[in-house]
Protein backbone atom coordinates (compact mmCIF):
# COMPACT_ATOMS: atom_id res chain seq x y z
CA MET A 1 -183.53 88.82 -94.77
CA LEU A 2 -183.23 91.52 -97.57
CA ARG A 3 -179.58 90.15 -97.97
CA MET A 4 -180.99 86.85 -99.12
CA ILE A 5 -183.94 88.34 -101.24
CA CYS A 6 -181.59 90.57 -103.10
CA ALA A 7 -178.56 87.78 -103.62
CA MET A 8 -181.29 86.54 -106.45
CA LEU A 9 -180.54 90.11 -107.76
CA VAL A 10 -176.77 90.36 -107.50
CA LEU A 11 -174.22 91.58 -109.99
CA ALA A 12 -171.05 91.09 -110.61
CA ALA A 13 -168.64 92.47 -108.02
CA GLY A 14 -166.09 95.07 -109.31
CA PHE A 15 -163.38 97.15 -107.75
CA THR A 16 -162.14 100.74 -107.49
CA HIS A 17 -158.75 101.55 -105.99
CA VAL A 18 -157.48 103.81 -103.33
CA CYS A 19 -153.79 104.99 -103.04
CA HIS A 20 -153.88 106.72 -99.20
CA GLY A 21 -152.02 109.73 -99.29
CA GLN A 22 -151.41 110.44 -103.22
CA THR A 23 -153.36 110.42 -106.37
CA PRO A 24 -154.07 107.13 -107.38
CA ALA A 25 -152.66 105.20 -110.28
CA PRO A 26 -154.94 103.93 -112.54
CA ALA A 27 -155.60 100.02 -113.44
CA VAL A 28 -155.13 98.76 -116.96
CA ALA A 29 -158.29 96.12 -116.55
CA ASP A 30 -159.95 95.08 -114.03
CA TRP A 31 -162.63 91.89 -113.46
CA ALA A 32 -164.57 90.06 -111.14
CA GLY A 33 -163.91 86.59 -110.24
CA ALA A 34 -167.60 85.33 -111.77
CA ASP A 35 -166.23 87.14 -115.10
CA PHE A 36 -163.53 84.21 -115.58
CA ALA A 37 -164.70 81.87 -118.09
CA GLY A 38 -164.69 78.30 -117.13
CA GLY A 39 -163.87 76.80 -113.47
CA ALA A 40 -166.77 75.65 -111.27
CA LYS A 41 -169.07 78.48 -110.93
CA GLU A 42 -171.89 77.21 -113.30
CA ARG A 43 -172.18 74.30 -110.83
CA PHE A 44 -172.13 75.72 -107.44
CA GLY A 45 -172.79 79.22 -108.08
CA SER A 46 -170.75 82.65 -108.11
CA LEU A 47 -171.73 84.21 -104.40
CA LYS A 48 -169.66 83.91 -101.68
CA ASP A 49 -169.46 86.21 -98.46
CA GLY A 50 -170.50 89.12 -100.30
CA GLU A 51 -168.46 88.36 -103.75
CA SER A 52 -168.93 87.42 -106.81
CA VAL A 53 -166.46 84.30 -107.53
CA ASN A 54 -165.45 81.62 -109.52
CA TYR A 55 -162.98 78.68 -108.28
CA VAL A 56 -160.83 75.99 -109.72
CA TYR A 57 -160.85 72.10 -108.65
CA ALA A 58 -158.09 69.75 -108.86
CA GLU A 59 -156.67 68.88 -112.34
CA PRO A 60 -158.58 65.37 -112.67
CA THR A 61 -161.78 67.90 -112.81
CA GLY A 62 -161.17 68.70 -116.14
CA ALA A 63 -163.20 72.24 -117.63
CA ASP A 64 -163.78 72.62 -113.54
CA ALA A 65 -159.70 72.97 -113.08
CA ALA A 66 -159.10 75.92 -114.82
CA MET A 67 -160.48 79.38 -115.54
CA GLN A 68 -159.56 82.26 -118.00
CA HIS A 69 -160.77 86.07 -119.06
CA THR A 70 -159.69 87.64 -122.11
CA PHE A 71 -159.38 91.58 -122.00
CA SER A 72 -158.21 93.98 -124.28
CA ILE A 73 -155.70 97.19 -123.94
CA ALA A 74 -155.12 100.04 -126.01
CA ALA A 75 -151.40 100.18 -124.84
CA VAL A 76 -148.82 98.76 -122.73
CA PRO A 77 -148.09 101.27 -119.61
CA ASP A 78 -144.40 102.32 -119.29
CA ALA A 79 -144.54 101.26 -115.70
CA PRO A 80 -143.95 97.83 -114.50
CA MET A 81 -147.16 96.10 -114.27
CA PHE A 82 -148.59 93.55 -111.94
CA VAL A 83 -151.67 90.72 -111.60
CA HIS A 84 -153.61 91.75 -108.61
CA VAL A 85 -155.63 88.46 -107.45
CA LYS A 86 -158.16 88.88 -104.45
CA GLY A 87 -158.49 85.13 -103.60
CA ARG A 88 -158.98 82.44 -101.20
CA ASP A 89 -157.42 79.00 -100.37
CA ASP A 90 -159.58 75.65 -99.42
CA ASP A 91 -159.90 74.50 -95.88
CA GLY A 92 -158.04 71.56 -96.85
CA PRO A 93 -154.92 70.71 -94.11
CA ALA A 94 -152.24 71.78 -97.07
CA PRO A 95 -152.34 74.92 -99.49
CA CYS A 96 -153.74 74.27 -102.80
CA ARG A 97 -150.78 74.33 -105.70
CA ILE A 98 -152.09 76.95 -108.44
CA ALA A 99 -150.57 78.23 -111.75
CA ILE A 100 -151.03 81.76 -113.09
CA GLU A 101 -150.44 82.46 -116.64
CA LEU A 102 -150.84 85.70 -118.98
CA ASN A 103 -150.70 84.99 -122.81
CA GLY A 104 -148.67 81.37 -121.71
CA THR A 105 -146.16 83.30 -119.75
CA THR A 106 -146.02 81.71 -116.21
CA LEU A 107 -146.14 84.71 -113.63
CA PHE A 108 -146.52 82.18 -110.70
CA GLU A 109 -146.58 78.59 -109.86
CA GLY A 110 -146.51 76.39 -106.51
CA GLU A 111 -148.44 76.32 -103.30
CA ASN A 112 -150.59 79.49 -102.97
CA THR A 113 -150.12 81.91 -100.05
CA PHE A 114 -153.73 82.90 -99.89
CA SER A 115 -155.22 82.50 -96.48
CA ALA A 116 -158.56 79.88 -96.00
CA GLY A 117 -160.36 82.13 -93.86
CA ALA A 118 -160.63 85.38 -95.66
CA TRP A 119 -160.12 87.20 -98.72
CA GLN A 120 -156.56 87.98 -99.18
CA VAL A 121 -154.98 90.49 -102.27
CA LYS A 122 -151.60 89.52 -103.74
CA ARG A 123 -149.84 90.66 -106.53
CA PHE A 124 -147.55 88.76 -109.07
CA ALA A 125 -144.99 90.87 -111.47
CA ILE A 126 -145.56 90.72 -115.32
CA PRO A 127 -142.43 90.21 -117.12
CA ALA A 128 -141.67 92.48 -119.85
CA ALA A 129 -143.25 91.89 -122.85
CA ALA A 130 -145.83 89.44 -121.23
CA LEU A 131 -148.67 91.99 -121.63
CA LYS A 132 -149.65 92.88 -125.03
CA ALA A 133 -151.43 95.87 -126.89
CA GLY A 134 -154.84 94.34 -127.76
CA GLU A 135 -155.99 90.76 -126.84
CA ASN A 136 -154.68 89.15 -123.89
CA THR A 137 -155.61 86.33 -121.76
CA LEU A 138 -155.63 85.56 -117.91
CA VAL A 139 -155.53 81.80 -116.71
CA ILE A 140 -155.84 80.71 -113.20
CA ALA A 141 -155.31 76.72 -112.81
CA ASN A 142 -155.31 74.12 -110.16
CA ARG A 143 -152.38 72.09 -110.24
CA GLU A 144 -153.41 69.56 -107.76
CA LYS A 145 -152.71 65.99 -109.42
CA ALA A 146 -155.90 64.28 -106.92
CA GLY A 147 -159.15 65.72 -106.03
CA THR A 148 -162.74 65.78 -106.87
CA VAL A 149 -165.34 68.47 -107.66
CA GLY A 150 -167.14 70.06 -104.61
CA MET A 151 -164.13 69.05 -102.35
CA PRO A 152 -160.23 70.54 -101.68
CA PRO A 153 -158.37 71.09 -102.99
CA TRP A 154 -159.91 74.02 -104.77
CA PHE A 155 -158.81 77.92 -104.94
CA MET A 156 -161.06 80.63 -105.18
CA VAL A 157 -160.88 83.97 -106.95
CA ALA A 158 -163.06 87.15 -106.41
CA ALA A 159 -161.40 89.73 -108.21
CA CYS A 160 -158.53 90.50 -110.65
CA VAL A 161 -156.73 93.74 -111.67
CA ILE A 162 -153.77 94.03 -113.80
CA GLY A 163 -152.41 97.56 -112.44
CA PRO A 164 -149.45 99.09 -111.21
CA LYS A 165 -147.61 98.10 -108.01
CA THR A 166 -149.12 100.39 -105.84
CA TYR A 167 -152.96 99.50 -106.73
CA VAL A 168 -155.26 98.70 -104.23
CA ILE A 169 -158.13 96.67 -104.72
CA ARG A 170 -161.29 98.04 -103.12
CA ARG A 171 -165.14 96.72 -103.65
CA ASP A 172 -166.99 98.58 -106.15
CA VAL A 173 -170.14 99.39 -104.21
CA THR A 174 -172.20 100.58 -107.59
CA ARG A 175 -172.07 96.89 -108.75
CA ASP A 176 -172.75 95.18 -105.45
CA PHE A 177 -174.18 96.96 -102.88
CA PHE A 178 -174.36 96.20 -99.34
CA VAL A 179 -173.42 97.63 -96.32
CA THR A 180 -170.73 96.17 -93.70
CA LEU A 181 -170.99 97.83 -90.31
CA PRO A 182 -167.40 98.20 -88.70
CA THR A 183 -166.22 96.57 -85.76
CA GLU A 184 -164.35 99.66 -84.59
CA LYS A 185 -165.34 103.26 -84.98
CA ARG A 186 -162.63 105.60 -87.44
CA GLU A 187 -162.32 109.01 -87.15
CA LEU A 188 -164.35 110.71 -89.71
CA PRO A 189 -163.60 112.19 -91.99
CA GLU A 190 -160.44 110.03 -92.65
CA PRO A 191 -157.71 112.03 -91.19
CA LEU A 192 -155.05 113.90 -93.30
CA PRO A 193 -151.34 113.19 -93.81
CA ALA A 194 -149.27 115.31 -91.60
CA GLY A 195 -148.74 118.94 -93.45
CA ARG A 196 -151.40 118.13 -95.99
CA LYS A 197 -154.33 120.50 -96.24
CA PRO A 198 -157.75 119.06 -97.08
CA GLY A 199 -159.27 118.52 -100.44
CA PHE A 200 -161.47 121.20 -101.23
CA ALA A 201 -161.08 124.36 -99.39
CA ILE A 202 -165.04 124.80 -99.50
CA ARG A 203 -167.10 121.98 -98.09
CA GLY A 204 -170.61 121.86 -97.20
CA THR A 205 -174.27 121.33 -98.17
CA LYS A 206 -177.80 123.50 -99.17
CA GLY A 207 -180.83 123.10 -97.84
CA TRP A 208 -183.81 121.80 -100.72
CA ASN A 209 -186.46 123.88 -99.50
CA TRP A 210 -185.78 123.03 -95.98
CA THR A 211 -187.42 124.94 -93.04
CA SER A 212 -185.16 127.10 -90.68
CA GLU A 213 -185.83 124.26 -88.02
CA GLN A 214 -184.13 121.63 -90.67
CA TYR A 215 -181.06 124.00 -91.52
CA LEU A 216 -180.53 124.47 -87.55
CA ALA A 217 -180.72 120.77 -86.94
CA GLU A 218 -177.92 119.97 -89.69
CA ILE A 219 -175.73 122.75 -88.71
CA PRO A 220 -173.99 121.03 -85.38
CA VAL A 221 -173.60 117.76 -87.89
CA LEU A 222 -171.97 119.85 -90.25
CA LYS A 223 -169.34 121.41 -87.65
CA ARG A 224 -168.56 118.06 -86.23
CA PHE A 225 -167.69 116.46 -89.49
CA LYS A 226 -165.62 119.43 -90.77
CA MET A 227 -167.81 120.94 -92.91
CA ASN A 228 -167.78 124.42 -93.38
CA PHE A 229 -170.32 125.75 -95.66
CA LEU A 230 -174.02 126.06 -95.64
CA MET A 231 -176.10 127.76 -98.51
CA ASN A 232 -179.92 128.30 -98.07
CA CYS A 233 -181.87 126.93 -101.09
CA TYR A 234 -183.18 129.54 -103.54
CA LEU A 235 -186.83 127.88 -102.91
CA THR A 236 -186.52 128.96 -98.98
CA THR A 237 -186.95 132.39 -100.39
CA PHE A 238 -190.02 131.94 -102.41
CA VAL A 239 -193.38 133.07 -101.21
CA GLN A 240 -194.87 129.36 -99.78
CA GLU A 241 -198.57 130.02 -99.31
CA PRO A 242 -201.25 130.05 -100.79
CA LYS A 243 -198.46 128.58 -103.63
CA MET A 244 -195.00 128.31 -104.12
CA GLU A 245 -194.05 131.48 -106.20
CA ASN A 246 -191.08 133.32 -106.72
CA ARG A 247 -191.73 137.02 -105.88
CA TRP A 248 -188.05 138.06 -105.76
CA TYR A 249 -189.22 141.59 -106.58
CA GLU A 250 -190.83 142.08 -103.21
CA PRO A 251 -189.30 142.13 -99.56
CA LEU A 252 -188.92 138.50 -98.10
CA PRO A 253 -191.73 137.62 -95.83
CA ASP A 254 -191.26 138.23 -92.06
CA GLU A 255 -191.29 134.66 -91.14
CA THR A 256 -188.68 133.76 -93.95
CA ARG A 257 -186.41 136.58 -92.44
CA ARG A 258 -186.83 135.41 -88.93
CA GLY A 259 -185.94 131.83 -89.42
CA LEU A 260 -182.82 132.69 -91.90
CA GLU A 261 -181.62 135.35 -89.29
CA LYS A 262 -181.46 132.10 -87.01
CA VAL A 263 -179.79 129.98 -89.03
CA ILE A 264 -177.29 132.28 -89.99
CA LYS A 265 -176.49 133.28 -86.66
CA ALA A 266 -176.00 129.56 -85.56
CA CYS A 267 -173.53 129.25 -88.73
CA GLN A 268 -171.82 132.03 -87.43
CA ALA A 269 -171.49 130.74 -83.69
CA GLU A 270 -170.55 127.24 -85.31
CA GLY A 271 -167.68 129.01 -87.61
CA ILE A 272 -169.61 127.92 -91.06
CA ASP A 273 -169.57 130.33 -93.86
CA PHE A 274 -173.29 130.87 -94.65
CA CYS A 275 -174.02 131.81 -98.20
CA PHE A 276 -177.29 133.76 -98.99
CA ALA A 277 -178.83 132.93 -102.26
CA VAL A 278 -181.67 134.37 -104.25
CA HIS A 279 -182.57 133.12 -107.86
CA PRO A 280 -184.49 136.02 -109.61
CA GLN A 281 -185.99 134.48 -112.82
CA LEU A 282 -186.99 130.84 -111.64
CA TRP A 283 -190.67 130.16 -112.08
CA SER A 284 -191.29 134.04 -111.23
CA PRO A 285 -193.97 135.71 -112.72
CA ARG A 286 -191.83 138.53 -113.78
CA PRO A 287 -188.29 137.22 -114.04
CA ILE A 288 -185.59 139.65 -113.68
CA ASP A 289 -184.27 141.67 -116.65
CA PRO A 290 -180.39 141.40 -116.41
CA THR A 291 -180.15 144.84 -118.00
CA SER A 292 -182.31 146.56 -115.72
CA GLU A 293 -180.95 149.08 -112.97
CA ALA A 294 -184.65 149.43 -111.44
CA ASP A 295 -185.02 145.48 -111.49
CA PHE A 296 -181.40 145.44 -109.87
CA GLU A 297 -182.71 148.14 -107.28
CA LEU A 298 -185.57 145.57 -106.69
CA LEU A 299 -183.31 142.71 -106.10
CA TRP A 300 -180.22 144.50 -103.91
CA PRO A 301 -182.43 144.81 -100.62
CA HIS A 302 -182.05 140.88 -100.20
CA PHE A 303 -178.54 140.76 -100.08
CA ALA A 304 -178.00 144.24 -98.39
CA TRP A 305 -180.15 142.54 -95.66
CA ALA A 306 -178.34 139.41 -95.54
CA GLN A 307 -174.65 141.42 -95.65
CA LYS A 308 -175.93 143.34 -92.55
CA LEU A 309 -176.37 140.27 -90.61
CA GLY A 310 -172.57 139.66 -91.63
CA VAL A 311 -172.86 137.20 -94.31
CA LYS A 312 -169.50 137.27 -96.24
CA TRP A 313 -170.84 134.71 -99.22
CA PHE A 314 -173.67 134.95 -101.39
CA SER A 315 -175.07 133.37 -104.48
CA LEU A 316 -177.18 134.22 -107.62
CA PRO A 317 -178.25 131.26 -109.57
CA LEU A 318 -179.76 131.76 -113.00
CA ASP A 319 -179.70 128.00 -113.63
CA ASP A 320 -182.48 125.92 -115.42
CA VAL A 321 -184.37 129.21 -117.01
CA HIS A 322 -183.47 127.65 -120.25
CA ALA A 323 -186.81 125.51 -119.80
CA MET A 324 -188.72 129.15 -119.56
CA GLN A 325 -190.34 130.33 -122.07
CA GLY A 326 -189.68 134.10 -122.72
CA VAL A 327 -186.79 134.22 -120.73
CA LYS A 328 -183.50 135.47 -122.97
CA ILE A 329 -180.20 133.53 -121.88
CA ASP A 330 -177.01 135.91 -122.99
CA ALA A 331 -174.22 135.47 -121.14
CA SER A 332 -172.99 138.89 -121.59
CA GLU A 333 -176.40 140.41 -119.94
CA HIS A 334 -175.71 137.61 -116.70
CA ALA A 335 -172.11 138.98 -116.52
CA LYS A 336 -173.02 142.21 -116.09
CA LEU A 337 -175.86 141.61 -113.49
CA ILE A 338 -173.08 139.68 -111.21
CA ASN A 339 -170.45 142.30 -112.01
CA ARG A 340 -173.05 145.02 -110.72
CA LEU A 341 -173.84 142.76 -107.83
CA ILE A 342 -170.15 141.82 -106.40
CA ASP A 343 -169.28 145.38 -106.96
CA ARG A 344 -172.03 146.57 -105.12
CA LEU A 345 -171.43 143.84 -102.15
CA ARG A 346 -167.66 144.81 -101.86
CA ALA A 347 -168.06 148.34 -101.86
CA ASN A 348 -169.62 147.75 -98.29
CA ASP A 349 -167.10 144.59 -97.63
CA PRO A 350 -164.28 143.84 -99.49
CA LYS A 351 -164.26 140.53 -98.26
CA ALA A 352 -167.71 139.32 -99.86
CA GLU A 353 -167.70 136.51 -102.23
CA LEU A 354 -169.80 135.63 -104.83
CA ILE A 355 -170.72 132.44 -106.55
CA PHE A 356 -172.81 132.34 -109.55
CA CYS A 357 -174.64 129.38 -111.36
CA PRO A 358 -174.83 129.76 -114.89
CA THR A 359 -177.43 128.74 -116.78
CA TRP A 360 -175.02 126.20 -118.61
CA TYR A 361 -174.04 124.37 -115.44
CA TRP A 362 -173.13 120.85 -116.39
CA GLY A 363 -170.95 119.10 -119.28
CA ASP A 364 -167.25 119.84 -120.18
CA GLY A 365 -168.76 122.99 -121.92
CA THR A 366 -167.77 122.11 -125.53
CA GLY A 367 -171.67 121.74 -126.52
CA LYS A 368 -173.01 124.29 -129.42
CA GLU A 369 -174.44 126.57 -126.99
CA GLN A 370 -172.48 125.95 -123.88
CA LYS A 371 -169.04 127.06 -125.21
CA PRO A 372 -170.24 130.59 -126.53
CA TYR A 373 -171.68 131.41 -123.27
CA LEU A 374 -168.70 130.06 -121.33
CA GLU A 375 -166.39 131.65 -123.44
CA THR A 376 -168.18 135.20 -122.90
CA LEU A 377 -168.17 134.60 -119.08
CA ALA A 378 -164.45 134.16 -119.41
CA ARG A 379 -164.05 137.46 -121.03
CA GLU A 380 -166.70 139.87 -119.19
CA LEU A 381 -167.39 138.36 -115.83
CA HIS A 382 -165.45 139.72 -112.60
CA LYS A 383 -162.40 137.48 -112.16
CA ASP A 384 -163.12 136.67 -108.48
CA VAL A 385 -166.53 135.24 -108.72
CA TYR A 386 -166.94 131.50 -108.71
CA LEU A 387 -168.85 129.32 -110.90
CA PHE A 388 -171.10 126.34 -109.82
CA TRP A 389 -170.63 123.32 -111.90
CA THR A 390 -172.73 120.08 -111.63
CA GLY A 391 -170.09 117.87 -113.40
CA ASP A 392 -169.90 115.85 -116.60
CA ALA A 393 -173.56 115.69 -116.61
CA VAL A 394 -176.77 117.13 -114.19
CA VAL A 395 -176.39 114.15 -112.17
CA GLY A 396 -174.06 111.29 -112.67
CA ASN A 397 -170.07 110.67 -112.92
CA ILE A 398 -167.98 113.43 -112.22
CA THR A 399 -164.38 113.63 -113.80
CA ARG A 400 -161.18 115.46 -113.49
CA LYS A 401 -161.04 115.73 -117.04
CA GLY A 402 -164.42 117.23 -117.55
CA ALA A 403 -163.60 119.66 -114.82
CA GLU A 404 -160.77 120.76 -116.36
CA THR A 405 -162.13 121.40 -120.10
CA PHE A 406 -165.10 123.64 -118.02
CA ARG A 407 -162.85 125.25 -115.93
CA GLY A 408 -160.27 126.16 -118.96
CA LEU A 409 -163.59 127.55 -121.22
CA ALA A 410 -164.89 129.32 -118.34
CA GLN A 411 -161.37 130.79 -116.70
CA HIS A 412 -163.06 131.03 -113.60
CA ARG A 413 -162.85 129.00 -110.30
CA ILE A 414 -165.62 126.50 -109.55
CA VAL A 415 -167.67 125.27 -106.51
CA LEU A 416 -168.43 121.49 -107.51
CA TRP A 417 -172.38 121.72 -106.79
CA ASP A 418 -172.79 117.84 -106.57
CA ASN A 419 -176.30 116.55 -107.24
CA TYR A 420 -175.99 113.85 -104.52
CA PRO A 421 -178.06 112.65 -102.81
CA VAL A 422 -180.82 115.10 -104.10
CA ASN A 423 -183.98 113.64 -104.73
CA ASP A 424 -185.86 116.51 -106.08
CA ALA A 425 -188.87 116.03 -103.98
CA HIS A 426 -189.49 112.71 -105.62
CA PRO A 427 -191.04 109.83 -102.73
CA THR A 428 -187.52 108.36 -102.67
CA MET A 429 -184.14 108.25 -100.70
CA HIS A 430 -180.64 107.99 -102.08
CA LEU A 431 -178.63 106.65 -98.99
CA ALA A 432 -175.72 104.93 -100.55
CA PRO A 433 -172.00 106.53 -100.26
CA VAL A 434 -171.04 109.27 -103.07
CA THR A 435 -169.17 107.52 -105.57
CA HIS A 436 -167.45 107.80 -109.22
CA ARG A 437 -166.14 111.28 -108.10
CA ASP A 438 -162.48 111.41 -109.40
CA LEU A 439 -160.10 111.41 -106.46
CA ASP A 440 -158.31 114.00 -107.76
CA LEU A 441 -161.05 116.70 -108.47
CA CYS A 442 -159.57 118.87 -105.77
CA ASP A 443 -156.78 119.69 -108.21
CA VAL A 444 -159.07 121.66 -110.49
CA ILE A 445 -162.00 122.93 -108.19
CA ASP A 446 -162.19 124.89 -105.12
CA GLY A 447 -165.15 123.58 -103.30
CA TYR A 448 -167.64 121.11 -102.90
CA MET A 449 -171.30 120.99 -101.93
CA SER A 450 -173.84 118.30 -101.68
CA ASN A 451 -177.49 118.85 -103.10
CA PRO A 452 -179.27 116.92 -100.40
CA LEU A 453 -182.74 115.16 -100.07
CA CYS A 454 -185.90 117.58 -99.98
CA GLN A 455 -187.25 116.30 -96.61
CA GLN A 456 -185.40 113.76 -95.25
CA ASN A 457 -183.00 115.43 -93.67
CA GLU A 458 -182.15 113.29 -91.10
CA ALA A 459 -181.31 110.13 -93.15
CA ASN A 460 -179.83 112.80 -95.58
CA ARG A 461 -177.22 112.71 -92.92
CA LEU A 462 -175.74 109.13 -93.88
CA PRO A 463 -174.64 109.88 -97.60
CA MET A 464 -173.86 113.55 -96.48
CA LEU A 465 -171.31 112.46 -94.11
CA THR A 466 -169.77 109.94 -96.76
CA CYS A 467 -169.59 113.34 -99.05
CA ALA A 468 -167.73 115.00 -96.32
CA ASP A 469 -165.06 112.28 -96.05
CA TYR A 470 -164.59 112.58 -99.80
CA ALA A 471 -164.35 116.26 -99.22
CA TRP A 472 -161.72 116.49 -96.76
CA ASN A 473 -159.71 113.64 -97.61
CA PRO A 474 -160.26 112.56 -101.60
CA ALA A 475 -156.93 110.76 -102.26
CA ALA A 476 -158.05 108.19 -99.36
CA TYR A 477 -161.69 108.13 -99.92
CA ASP A 478 -163.05 104.59 -99.59
CA PRO A 479 -167.03 104.59 -100.16
CA ALA A 480 -167.75 101.00 -98.39
CA ARG A 481 -165.64 102.24 -95.36
CA SER A 482 -167.24 105.57 -95.48
CA ILE A 483 -170.81 104.51 -95.45
CA GLY A 484 -170.21 102.00 -92.62
CA GLN A 485 -167.97 104.75 -90.16
CA ALA A 486 -171.09 107.18 -91.10
CA ILE A 487 -173.57 104.87 -89.76
CA LEU A 488 -171.19 104.28 -86.51
CA HIS A 489 -170.91 107.97 -85.78
CA LEU A 490 -174.59 108.76 -85.90
CA ALA A 491 -176.08 105.81 -84.45
CA GLU A 492 -176.43 105.80 -80.41
CA THR A 493 -177.61 102.24 -80.11
CA PRO A 494 -177.03 98.66 -81.71
CA ALA A 495 -180.62 98.65 -82.83
CA GLN A 496 -180.21 102.15 -84.65
CA ARG A 497 -177.11 100.96 -86.49
CA ASP A 498 -178.67 97.85 -87.64
CA VAL A 499 -181.91 100.15 -88.74
CA MET A 500 -179.88 102.49 -90.62
CA ARG A 501 -177.85 99.69 -92.36
CA ASP A 502 -181.10 98.43 -93.63
CA LEU A 503 -182.52 101.61 -94.35
CA VAL A 504 -179.20 102.32 -96.54
CA GLU A 505 -179.41 98.96 -98.35
CA ALA A 506 -183.20 99.64 -99.26
CA TYR A 507 -182.33 102.64 -100.30
CA PRO A 508 -178.80 103.00 -102.02
CA GLY A 509 -180.07 105.17 -104.86
CA MET A 510 -179.50 106.92 -107.99
CA LEU A 511 -175.61 106.51 -108.13
CA ILE A 512 -175.70 102.69 -107.47
CA TYR A 513 -177.91 101.88 -110.37
CA GLY A 514 -176.90 104.87 -112.44
CA ASN A 515 -180.44 106.59 -112.52
CA GLY A 516 -181.92 110.52 -111.90
CA PRO A 517 -182.90 112.03 -108.47
CA GLY A 518 -186.76 109.97 -108.89
CA PHE A 519 -185.20 106.69 -109.19
CA ASN A 520 -186.92 104.39 -106.18
CA ALA A 521 -184.70 101.60 -105.48
CA VAL A 522 -187.51 100.02 -103.25
CA ARG A 523 -190.12 99.84 -105.97
CA HIS A 524 -187.50 98.93 -108.72
CA LYS A 525 -186.39 95.43 -106.27
CA LEU A 526 -189.71 94.37 -106.25
CA ALA A 527 -190.18 94.62 -109.83
CA GLN A 528 -187.25 92.86 -110.45
CA ILE A 529 -187.94 89.96 -108.24
CA THR A 530 -191.61 89.38 -109.86
CA THR A 531 -189.61 88.75 -113.49
CA ILE A 532 -188.07 85.79 -111.38
CA PRO A 533 -190.15 82.37 -112.07
CA HIS A 534 -191.90 81.06 -109.22
CA SER A 535 -191.13 84.47 -107.06
CA LYS A 536 -194.50 84.96 -105.12
CA GLN A 537 -192.70 83.82 -101.83
CA ALA A 538 -189.61 85.99 -102.34
CA ALA A 539 -191.90 89.16 -102.86
CA THR A 540 -193.79 88.02 -100.04
CA ALA A 541 -191.02 88.02 -98.20
CA PHE A 542 -189.68 91.53 -99.29
CA ILE A 543 -192.94 93.26 -98.32
CA GLU A 544 -192.75 91.58 -94.98
CA HIS A 545 -188.74 92.96 -94.58
CA MET A 546 -190.07 96.39 -95.73
CA GLN A 547 -193.03 96.78 -93.13
CA SER A 548 -190.66 95.34 -90.71
CA LEU A 549 -188.09 98.03 -91.39
CA ALA A 550 -190.87 100.68 -90.86
CA ARG A 551 -191.61 99.51 -87.64
CA ARG A 552 -188.03 99.20 -86.31
CA ILE A 553 -187.36 102.61 -87.39
CA GLY A 554 -190.54 103.92 -85.12
CA GLU A 555 -188.72 101.80 -82.45
CA ALA A 556 -185.15 102.81 -82.82
CA PHE A 557 -186.43 106.54 -83.54
CA PRO A 558 -189.44 107.06 -81.90
CA ASN A 559 -189.09 111.04 -82.20
CA GLY A 560 -187.35 111.35 -85.50
CA TYR A 561 -187.36 110.35 -88.77
CA VAL A 562 -190.76 111.45 -89.55
CA ALA A 563 -190.18 112.33 -93.23
CA GLU A 564 -188.38 108.98 -93.96
CA ARG A 565 -191.28 106.98 -92.49
CA LYS A 566 -193.38 108.46 -94.40
CA THR A 567 -191.26 107.52 -97.70
CA LEU A 568 -191.46 104.23 -96.12
CA GLU A 569 -195.14 104.00 -96.15
CA ASN A 570 -195.87 105.39 -99.37
CA ASP A 571 -193.67 102.53 -100.67
CA ILE A 572 -195.06 99.60 -98.72
CA ALA A 573 -198.39 100.90 -100.43
CA GLU A 574 -197.37 100.56 -103.59
CA LEU A 575 -195.41 97.73 -103.31
CA GLN A 576 -198.44 96.28 -102.09
CA LYS A 577 -200.28 97.56 -105.08
CA MET A 578 -197.75 96.00 -107.35
CA TYR A 579 -197.60 92.65 -105.33
CA THR A 580 -201.64 92.19 -106.06
CA ALA A 581 -201.56 93.21 -110.02
CA LYS A 582 -198.51 90.61 -110.67
CA TYR A 583 -200.07 87.58 -107.84
CA GLY A 584 -203.52 88.80 -107.16
CA GLN A 585 -205.02 89.00 -103.85
């Protein structure tokens, strides 16, 4: 039902590429079949088996017999280029004759060799000088001499790419998101080629003010899927009652200590590095003075306690304090505080490691405030300290270029603090696979840590497993494959698989839509539906689907997914309000 409704809202399908076992080569241009002008898409629609398509009929059909797409490139690559076509032949008795032309040069003409029963990708060599810097036009035409619109012979195109020979077309889940459950379970994460090391040496996650029970529930999952790092959320160390408050200058509450001690011991038993974190400024009635020795001595007992339990990794974040009044941001002072901490830690254990989250932790570092701050850290911060970095922005796409520039300015090793699938305690979920992280980031960055959902740690496993897949073998990462395998590995019954798939499709989240942690896909979808004329029936069906999903989750997971069910219940109530406001009672 949901797939039928959301077909009304489908966007053009796009593509990404993966070259297994090596850094992928980029495309020069790529587009969906539906992006071609001409053809018959306006007659019969552009959605076919989950793809956004166009198709051409026999020559007598006139304008329906050819499709063309004009694209521009800045320069022609030195390497040989190919046209990669994802296509499909008709179901007639003989293959349809087609022609493919680039700027008037024929790349192929004759009977096509594409399958009639499934999509196939085939490549066609581009002769020298056929591809030009500037504007280019690719034409795909039907060359059959007899036929009518709507009947064979026809030829259908779902995707087209101008790229090197090794290019592999993959569906871009951010343009047309749905989940295909695999028929077979593969190893997850995707196995590495013989002799190749994992992409990131550090691979893990943190909590988001999780309880100790939530941390303990996730440790076996981390171990099972080759993650080796778990950091406590610094909110965990705050006093929780009667209100949450950062009293870093006081001993940790006994209950907090007991809970964290269980988590630390469980990590050690599973061979996972636990990283102990305290933030001594954020939301505190008494932010630490980085220059004060007295303040440092109030802070130190927290780290000394964790170190006595055998903890080797530590973090002292000073992120987000730029928004606090009265807190001074001085890179030199920050460096002195961090240096004092790592020196004290290593005096007790030479193998101690420290990760610092700087106040300016996002972007490429070239901003007016960022650059001098990072350059000071480069000069004054202990050379062994790692830096957290969230990418080119606080949330969003993450590029190797951004990482290289940031690291070049800071001159320290980096751990990527990926702000996905974090919801920052908003009543929503982000469950689609992680995407739009450059596949060669691991050449620049030492570690990968995902930032999770606040309450819904069980559903969080779905995107977290795709993060684990990416972090282990980035060169082979395929988001569409990864989320399907995550579901197969986490579900124990067919009903659970179906529920997980529908839950992910209902809440694909911020990376798919290009929004922030508070984005709610379910409410957004109903808002989209209500903009369509005569949409009351579709809106009714969508709400009924969400109600059914809530019921099915309870049936499939009678003792779990409590926070997730609460999110669904809240959204259903909001959907009903939106429905009434639009259509009345």
